[in-house]
Amino acid sequence: MNQAPDIQLLQELFKAAKQNLTPEIWDYLIGGAESETTLKRNRQALERLAFRPRVLRDVWEIDCGKDLLGIRQRIPVFAAPIGSLQDLHPEGAAAVARAAGKFGVLSMHSIVTKPSLEEIAAAHEGPKMFQLYIGGGHEWVDEWIPRAIDAGYRAIAVTVDLDAYGFRERDVAKRYVVTSQRRGGTFQHIARFNWDDVRRIKDRYQIPLIIKGIATAEDAEICCEHGVDVVYVSNHGGRQLDHGRGCIDILPEVVEAVGARAQITVDGGFLRGTDVVKAIALGADAVGIGKLVGYGVAADGEQGVLRALELLEDEITTCLALLGVTCFDELNAAYVQRCEPVSAPHLTSAYPLLEEGY
């Protein structure tokens, strides 16, 4: 794996990552399900939101921080869980954990990545969250959650949009099976997991509970009725149900349904600082970045992820200043407006210089 050159733009991480990965692993990282309509809509939804900036404000000093789970974040993002990170870089999730800890944001680590949850936790002392795919009954759950608590994780996220494995045609076309899928097994326990199980976890464990994969106001309401601490709006990066809505299009109805009863996070196509600002303006408390973390770790391991976060912070700071606000508390939905996108959504629509050969 080659070390990334001097990186000054987020799109340079994209280029370096692609150079370092085999075609099969690259397609695993960037791909979606079936026609990839949901994946494209994630970007389309972000790109058809325009800003309404205010001027003549004193914006000399900008504070990009925001709280999630009572923890102050340097910027309102966290490293979203990615399965099989070890396929992107030999250090896997440990590299992501160290970078997030050094920068000052939360990271969420998947049960289907390496190294082990204890080894990931030991990689840095900063706050972390652990993500579960339900792989068994109550005994299985009662093994994994205490392990995560003992290792110092600050919240448990249960992913609920994987009742069946999305038909990811890029992988199938290359006959590629990601390492997390090579262990075999079925989806019967995920498919049978229900709201009674959510209530059981919430009643049994004194740790914040996140439900990841919410795509409607109706399910956001049920989350609140069950005492869920964080409602996580996600369509699995467009890798599960095809022909779904873009996540930032889902966000406003979830914000209205939840009110002040829980915090709200969102992921799905967020690749620029302006994307993050749009989500916070519409009511999210934090944004999960998945593919961008993937680009960073594939480009240069821990340093690549750290550089991705630094560049994202630069873009967020510039955006807030040009909107006429000094912190996220001054931001609201009045700063965005629906407009027509300027181009069709596609893999590099967030990074147009790549299309020009830079």
Protein backbone atom coordinates (compact mmCIF):
# COMPACT_ATOMS: atom_id res chain seq x y z
CA MET A 1 0.00 0.00 0.00
CA ASN A 2 1.43 3.34 -1.06
CA GLN A 3 1.60 6.28 1.32
CA ALA A 4 -0.60 9.14 0.17
CA PRO A 5 1.16 12.24 -1.15
CA ASP A 6 0.62 15.71 0.29
CA ILE A 7 -3.18 16.00 0.50
CA GLN A 8 -4.77 19.43 0.15
CA LEU A 9 -8.25 18.49 -1.10
CA LEU A 10 -10.75 15.83 -0.07
CA GLN A 11 -10.91 14.63 -3.65
CA GLU A 12 -7.18 13.87 -3.52
CA LEU A 13 -7.96 11.29 -0.84
CA PHE A 14 -10.44 9.72 -3.26
CA LYS A 15 -7.72 9.42 -5.93
CA ALA A 16 -5.14 8.01 -3.52
CA ALA A 17 -7.61 5.46 -2.13
CA LYS A 18 -8.53 4.22 -5.60
CA GLN A 19 -4.85 3.81 -6.48
CA ASN A 20 -4.22 1.73 -3.35
CA LEU A 21 -7.17 -0.66 -3.64
CA THR A 22 -7.83 -3.54 -6.00
CA PRO A 23 -10.82 -3.06 -8.35
CA GLU A 24 -12.87 -5.53 -6.29
CA ILE A 25 -12.30 -3.79 -2.97
CA TRP A 26 -12.76 -0.36 -4.55
CA ASP A 27 -16.17 -1.39 -5.85
CA TYR A 28 -17.08 -2.76 -2.41
CA LEU A 29 -16.25 0.65 -0.90
CA ILE A 30 -18.07 2.82 -3.42
CA GLY A 31 -20.95 0.61 -4.50
CA GLY A 32 -24.62 0.35 -3.67
CA ALA A 33 -27.48 -2.09 -4.17
CA GLU A 34 -28.95 -3.07 -7.53
CA SER A 35 -29.38 0.04 -9.74
CA GLU A 36 -27.66 2.19 -7.07
CA THR A 37 -30.63 4.56 -7.16
CA THR A 38 -30.67 5.02 -3.39
CA LEU A 39 -26.93 5.69 -3.39
CA LYS A 40 -27.34 8.36 -6.08
CA ARG A 41 -30.33 9.91 -4.32
CA ASN A 42 -28.21 10.43 -1.21
CA ARG A 43 -26.01 12.77 -3.24
CA GLN A 44 -28.88 14.24 -5.26
CA ALA A 45 -30.76 15.18 -2.08
CA LEU A 46 -27.72 17.01 -0.72
CA GLU A 47 -26.92 18.72 -3.99
CA ARG A 48 -30.40 20.16 -4.46
CA LEU A 49 -30.19 22.08 -1.18
CA ALA A 50 -28.87 25.62 -1.60
CA PHE A 51 -27.79 28.09 1.08
CA ARG A 52 -29.38 31.41 2.08
CA PRO A 53 -26.42 33.32 3.54
CA ARG A 54 -26.57 36.37 5.79
CA VAL A 55 -23.96 39.15 5.65
CA LEU A 56 -22.42 41.91 7.76
CA ARG A 57 -22.06 39.69 10.81
CA ASP A 58 -18.93 39.47 12.94
CA VAL A 59 -17.66 36.02 11.98
CA TRP A 60 -13.97 36.47 12.77
CA GLU A 61 -14.08 33.67 15.36
CA ILE A 62 -15.86 30.43 14.42
CA ASP A 63 -16.66 27.56 16.81
CA CYS A 64 -17.40 24.33 14.91
CA GLY A 65 -18.06 22.26 18.03
CA LYS A 66 -21.29 20.49 18.98
CA ASP A 67 -22.38 17.93 21.59
CA LEU A 68 -23.36 14.32 20.95
CA LEU A 69 -24.28 12.06 23.86
CA GLY A 70 -23.05 14.79 26.18
CA ILE A 71 -19.61 14.70 24.60
CA ARG A 72 -18.21 17.82 22.96
CA GLN A 73 -17.17 17.14 19.38
CA ARG A 74 -14.60 19.28 17.60
CA ILE A 75 -16.89 19.17 14.56
CA PRO A 76 -20.35 17.54 14.44
CA VAL A 77 -19.30 14.36 12.68
CA PHE A 78 -18.36 10.85 13.72
CA ALA A 79 -16.68 7.99 11.92
CA ALA A 80 -19.59 5.81 10.81
CA PRO A 81 -19.26 2.02 11.11
CA ILE A 82 -17.78 0.24 8.09
CA GLY A 83 -17.65 -3.53 7.79
CA SER A 84 -14.38 -5.20 6.78
CA LEU A 85 -12.20 -2.11 7.26
CA GLN A 86 -9.26 -4.50 7.26
CA ASP A 87 -9.86 -4.94 3.53
CA LEU A 88 -9.13 -1.24 3.07
CA HIS A 89 -6.06 -1.05 5.33
CA PRO A 90 -4.16 -3.70 7.35
CA GLU A 91 -4.81 -1.90 10.67
CA GLY A 92 -8.54 -1.82 10.02
CA ALA A 93 -10.71 -0.03 12.57
CA ALA A 94 -7.77 0.61 14.90
CA ALA A 95 -6.44 3.21 12.45
CA VAL A 96 -9.82 4.94 12.33
CA ALA A 97 -10.14 4.89 16.13
CA ARG A 98 -6.75 6.50 16.64
CA ALA A 99 -7.43 9.21 14.06
CA ALA A 100 -10.85 10.07 15.49
CA GLY A 101 -9.44 10.18 19.01
CA LYS A 102 -6.55 12.44 18.05
CA PHE A 103 -8.81 14.80 16.13
CA GLY A 104 -11.55 14.96 18.76
CA VAL A 105 -14.63 13.27 17.38
CA LEU A 106 -16.50 10.08 18.21
CA SER A 107 -16.07 6.92 16.21
CA MET A 108 -18.55 4.07 15.80
CA HIS A 109 -17.09 0.64 15.19
CA SER A 110 -18.77 -2.28 13.48
CA ILE A 111 -19.05 -5.77 14.89
CA VAL A 112 -18.06 -7.06 11.42
CA THR A 113 -14.66 -5.45 11.19
CA LYS A 114 -11.22 -6.12 12.60
CA PRO A 115 -9.50 -6.01 15.03
CA SER A 116 -11.65 -7.09 17.99
CA LEU A 117 -13.77 -4.59 19.88
CA GLU A 118 -11.28 -4.71 22.76
CA GLU A 119 -8.33 -4.06 20.47
CA ILE A 120 -10.15 -1.18 18.80
CA ALA A 121 -10.96 0.29 22.23
CA ALA A 122 -7.31 0.01 23.24
CA ALA A 123 -6.18 1.85 20.11
CA HIS A 124 -7.07 5.20 21.72
CA GLU A 125 -8.60 6.50 24.93
CA GLY A 126 -11.18 8.77 23.33
CA PRO A 127 -14.93 8.08 23.43
CA LYS A 128 -16.22 5.40 21.06
CA MET A 129 -19.52 3.76 20.12
CA PHE A 130 -20.05 0.11 19.21
CA GLN A 131 -22.39 -1.07 16.44
CA LEU A 132 -24.16 -4.44 16.46
CA TYR A 133 -25.77 -6.56 13.82
CA ILE A 134 -27.93 -8.94 15.81
CA GLY A 135 -26.34 -12.36 15.33
CA GLY A 136 -28.19 -14.42 17.92
CA GLY A 137 -30.87 -14.49 20.57
CA HIS A 138 -30.92 -12.91 24.01
CA GLU A 139 -27.88 -14.85 25.19
CA TRP A 140 -25.88 -13.60 22.22
CA VAL A 141 -26.92 -9.99 22.91
CA ASP A 142 -26.10 -10.43 26.60
CA GLU A 143 -22.60 -11.51 25.66
CA TRP A 144 -21.75 -8.67 23.28
CA ILE A 145 -23.20 -5.64 25.06
CA PRO A 146 -21.38 -6.26 28.37
CA ARG A 147 -18.16 -6.81 26.41
CA ALA A 148 -18.58 -3.39 24.81
CA ILE A 149 -19.43 -1.76 28.13
CA ASP A 150 -16.41 -3.34 29.81
CA ALA A 151 -14.18 -2.12 26.98
CA GLY A 152 -15.32 1.46 27.59
CA TYR A 153 -17.66 2.12 24.69
CA ARG A 154 -20.01 5.01 25.39
CA ALA A 155 -23.07 3.85 23.43
CA ILE A 156 -24.49 0.82 21.64
CA ALA A 157 -25.90 1.17 18.12
CA VAL A 158 -28.12 -1.56 16.72
CA THR A 159 -28.42 -1.57 12.93
CA VAL A 160 -31.96 -2.50 11.88
CA ASP A 161 -31.99 -2.22 8.07
CA LEU A 162 -30.25 -5.50 7.27
CA ASP A 163 -33.08 -8.04 7.47
CA ALA A 164 -31.73 -9.35 4.17
CA TYR A 165 -28.40 -8.64 2.51
CA GLY A 166 -28.75 -6.03 -0.25
CA PHE A 167 -28.02 -7.28 -3.78
CA ARG A 168 -24.77 -5.42 -4.44
CA GLU A 169 -24.22 -5.99 -8.11
CA ARG A 170 -20.70 -4.55 -8.29
CA ASP A 171 -19.55 -7.28 -5.89
CA VAL A 172 -21.52 -10.02 -7.62
CA ALA A 173 -20.27 -9.03 -11.07
CA LYS A 174 -16.67 -9.44 -9.89
CA ARG A 175 -17.54 -12.55 -7.83
CA TYR A 176 -16.12 -10.72 -4.83
CA VAL A 177 -17.08 -11.68 -1.29
CA VAL A 178 -16.04 -9.18 1.37
CA THR A 179 -14.22 -10.77 4.32
CA SER A 180 -17.02 -10.04 6.79
CA GLN A 181 -19.34 -12.18 4.62
CA ARG A 182 -16.93 -15.08 4.26
CA ARG A 183 -17.69 -16.24 7.77
CA GLY A 184 -21.08 -17.44 6.59
CA GLY A 185 -24.19 -17.42 8.76
CA THR A 186 -27.74 -16.27 8.09
CA PHE A 187 -29.84 -13.19 8.73
CA GLN A 188 -32.53 -14.98 10.72
CA HIS A 189 -31.77 -13.23 14.02
CA ILE A 190 -31.64 -9.78 12.44
CA ALA A 191 -34.89 -10.48 10.60
CA ARG A 192 -36.60 -11.57 13.82
CA PHE A 193 -35.34 -8.66 15.92
CA ASN A 194 -38.25 -6.38 16.88
CA TRP A 195 -39.38 -3.53 19.11
CA ASP A 196 -39.81 -5.86 22.11
CA ASP A 197 -36.11 -6.67 21.81
CA VAL A 198 -35.29 -2.95 21.70
CA ARG A 199 -37.25 -2.43 24.91
CA ARG A 200 -35.45 -5.35 26.55
CA ILE A 201 -32.02 -3.88 25.74
CA LYS A 202 -33.06 -0.45 26.93
CA ASP A 203 -34.47 -1.81 30.19
CA ARG A 204 -31.53 -4.14 30.87
CA TYR A 205 -28.49 -1.97 30.15
CA GLN A 206 -27.56 1.46 31.48
CA ILE A 207 -25.87 2.66 28.32
CA PRO A 208 -27.19 5.00 25.62
CA LEU A 209 -28.95 3.10 22.84
CA ILE A 210 -28.82 4.14 19.19
CA ILE A 211 -31.11 2.66 16.55
CA LYS A 212 -29.45 2.91 13.14
CA GLY A 213 -31.43 2.59 9.93
CA ILE A 214 -34.48 4.80 10.58
CA ALA A 215 -36.07 6.07 7.37
CA THR A 216 -39.54 7.33 8.41
CA ALA A 217 -41.16 9.59 10.97
CA GLU A 218 -43.32 6.65 12.06
CA ASP A 219 -40.36 4.56 13.16
CA ALA A 220 -38.66 7.58 14.71
CA GLU A 221 -41.77 8.02 16.87
CA ILE A 222 -41.63 4.38 17.98
CA CYS A 223 -37.95 4.80 18.85
CA CYS A 224 -38.88 7.63 21.19
CA GLU A 225 -41.67 5.58 22.75
CA HIS A 226 -39.06 2.93 23.59
CA GLY A 227 -36.62 5.39 25.16
CA VAL A 228 -34.02 5.27 22.39
CA ASP A 229 -31.35 7.89 23.03
CA VAL A 230 -30.24 8.54 19.44
CA VAL A 231 -32.35 8.09 16.31
CA TYR A 232 -29.90 7.37 13.48
CA VAL A 233 -31.29 8.22 10.03
CA SER A 234 -29.60 5.95 7.50
CA ASN A 235 -30.24 3.89 4.39
CA HIS A 236 -26.95 1.98 4.78
CA GLY A 237 -25.28 4.23 2.25
CA GLY A 238 -27.63 2.97 -0.46
CA ARG A 239 -26.29 -0.56 -0.01
CA GLN A 240 -29.52 -2.21 1.19
CA LEU A 241 -32.97 -1.23 -0.11
CA ASP A 242 -32.75 0.23 -3.59
CA HIS A 243 -35.09 3.03 -4.72
CA GLY A 244 -35.13 4.58 -1.26
CA ARG A 245 -35.08 8.28 -0.45
CA GLY A 246 -31.95 10.33 0.09
CA CYS A 247 -31.21 10.56 3.80
CA ILE A 248 -31.24 14.34 4.06
CA ASP A 249 -34.72 14.26 2.48
CA ILE A 250 -35.80 11.95 5.33
CA LEU A 251 -34.24 14.10 8.03
CA PRO A 252 -36.88 16.87 8.40
CA GLU A 253 -39.78 14.48 9.08
CA VAL A 254 -37.69 12.63 11.67
CA VAL A 255 -36.70 15.89 13.36
CA GLU A 256 -40.35 16.90 13.58
CA ALA A 257 -41.38 13.51 14.98
CA VAL A 258 -38.59 13.29 17.57
CA GLY A 259 -38.58 16.85 18.91
CA ALA A 260 -36.45 17.06 22.03
CA ARG A 261 -36.98 13.45 23.11
CA ALA A 262 -33.78 12.08 21.54
CA GLN A 263 -30.76 13.19 19.59
CA ILE A 264 -30.63 12.63 15.84
CA THR A 265 -27.75 11.54 13.63
CA VAL A 266 -27.70 10.99 9.89
CA ASP A 267 -25.42 9.51 7.25
CA GLY A 268 -25.66 8.78 3.54
CA GLY A 269 -23.49 10.46 0.92
CA PHE A 270 -21.93 13.14 3.14
CA LEU A 271 -18.61 14.00 1.48
CA ARG A 272 -18.11 17.76 1.95
CA GLY A 273 -18.20 20.28 4.78
CA THR A 274 -21.19 21.96 3.15
CA ASP A 275 -23.04 18.63 3.36
CA VAL A 276 -22.49 18.53 7.11
CA VAL A 277 -23.66 22.12 7.57
CA LYS A 278 -26.88 21.38 5.65
CA ALA A 279 -27.70 18.45 7.94
CA ILE A 280 -27.12 20.44 11.13
CA ALA A 281 -29.21 23.32 9.75
CA LEU A 282 -32.08 20.87 9.24
CA GLY A 283 -31.89 19.56 12.80
CA ALA A 284 -29.32 16.78 13.00
CA ASP A 285 -27.00 16.67 16.00
CA ALA A 286 -24.17 14.94 14.13
CA VAL A 287 -23.34 13.41 10.77
CA GLY A 288 -21.82 9.97 10.20
CA ILE A 289 -19.13 9.88 7.55
CA GLY A 290 -18.52 6.44 6.10
CA LYS A 291 -17.18 6.54 2.56
CA LEU A 292 -15.02 9.56 3.38
CA VAL A 293 -13.45 7.63 6.25
CA GLY A 294 -13.01 4.73 3.84
CA TYR A 295 -11.20 6.97 1.37
CA GLY A 296 -8.97 8.30 4.14
CA VAL A 297 -7.98 4.96 5.63
CA ALA A 298 -7.41 3.41 2.20
CA ALA A 299 -5.29 6.39 1.15
CA ASP A 300 -2.99 6.49 4.18
CA GLY A 301 -4.33 4.65 7.23
CA GLU A 302 -4.59 6.72 10.40
CA GLN A 303 -3.00 9.77 8.78
CA GLY A 304 -5.44 9.61 5.88
CA VAL A 305 -8.46 9.64 8.20
CA LEU A 306 -6.95 12.44 10.25
CA ARG A 307 -6.36 14.47 7.10
CA ALA A 308 -9.94 13.87 5.96
CA LEU A 309 -11.22 15.28 9.25
CA GLU A 310 -8.89 18.28 9.07
CA LEU A 311 -10.02 19.16 5.56
CA LEU A 312 -13.65 18.64 6.51
CA GLU A 313 -13.17 21.07 9.41
CA ASP A 314 -11.66 23.65 7.04
CA GLU A 315 -14.66 23.38 4.73
CA ILE A 316 -17.14 23.61 7.63
CA THR A 317 -15.40 26.67 9.08
CA THR A 318 -15.44 28.45 5.72
CA CYS A 319 -19.09 27.56 5.15
CA LEU A 320 -20.24 28.85 8.55
CA ALA A 321 -18.36 32.11 8.09
CA LEU A 322 -19.83 32.68 4.63
CA LEU A 323 -23.32 31.93 5.95
CA GLY A 324 -22.86 34.65 8.57
CA VAL A 325 -22.89 32.45 11.69
CA THR A 326 -20.20 31.85 14.30
CA CYS A 327 -21.44 28.53 15.68
CA PHE A 328 -23.99 25.81 15.00
CA ASP A 329 -26.39 27.17 17.63
CA GLU A 330 -27.01 30.15 15.31
CA LEU A 331 -27.90 27.88 12.40
CA ASN A 332 -31.42 26.75 11.46
CA ALA A 333 -33.51 25.66 8.49
CA ALA A 334 -33.89 29.26 7.29
CA TYR A 335 -30.33 29.01 5.96
CA VAL A 336 -31.21 26.37 3.33
CA GLN A 337 -33.63 26.22 0.42
CA ARG A 338 -34.59 23.56 -2.09
CA CYS A 339 -33.15 24.19 -5.57
CA GLU A 340 -32.47 22.18 -8.68
CA PRO A 341 -29.10 20.36 -8.67
CA VAL A 342 -26.59 21.54 -11.25
CA SER A 343 -25.60 18.05 -12.39
CA ALA A 344 -26.80 14.48 -12.25
CA PRO A 345 -25.68 12.63 -9.11
CA HIS A 346 -22.86 10.17 -9.61
CA LEU A 347 -19.73 8.80 -7.97
CA THR A 348 -17.65 11.96 -8.26
CA SER A 349 -20.33 14.66 -8.36
CA ALA A 350 -19.08 15.92 -4.99
CA TYR A 351 -15.57 16.21 -6.43
CA PRO A 352 -15.91 17.73 -9.92
CA LEU A 353 -12.17 18.30 -10.44
CA LEU A 354 -11.78 14.54 -10.77
CA GLU A 355 -13.86 14.68 -13.95
CA GLU A 356 -11.43 17.22 -15.40
CA GLY A 357 -8.41 15.03 -14.85
CA TYR A 358 -6.90 16.72 -11.82
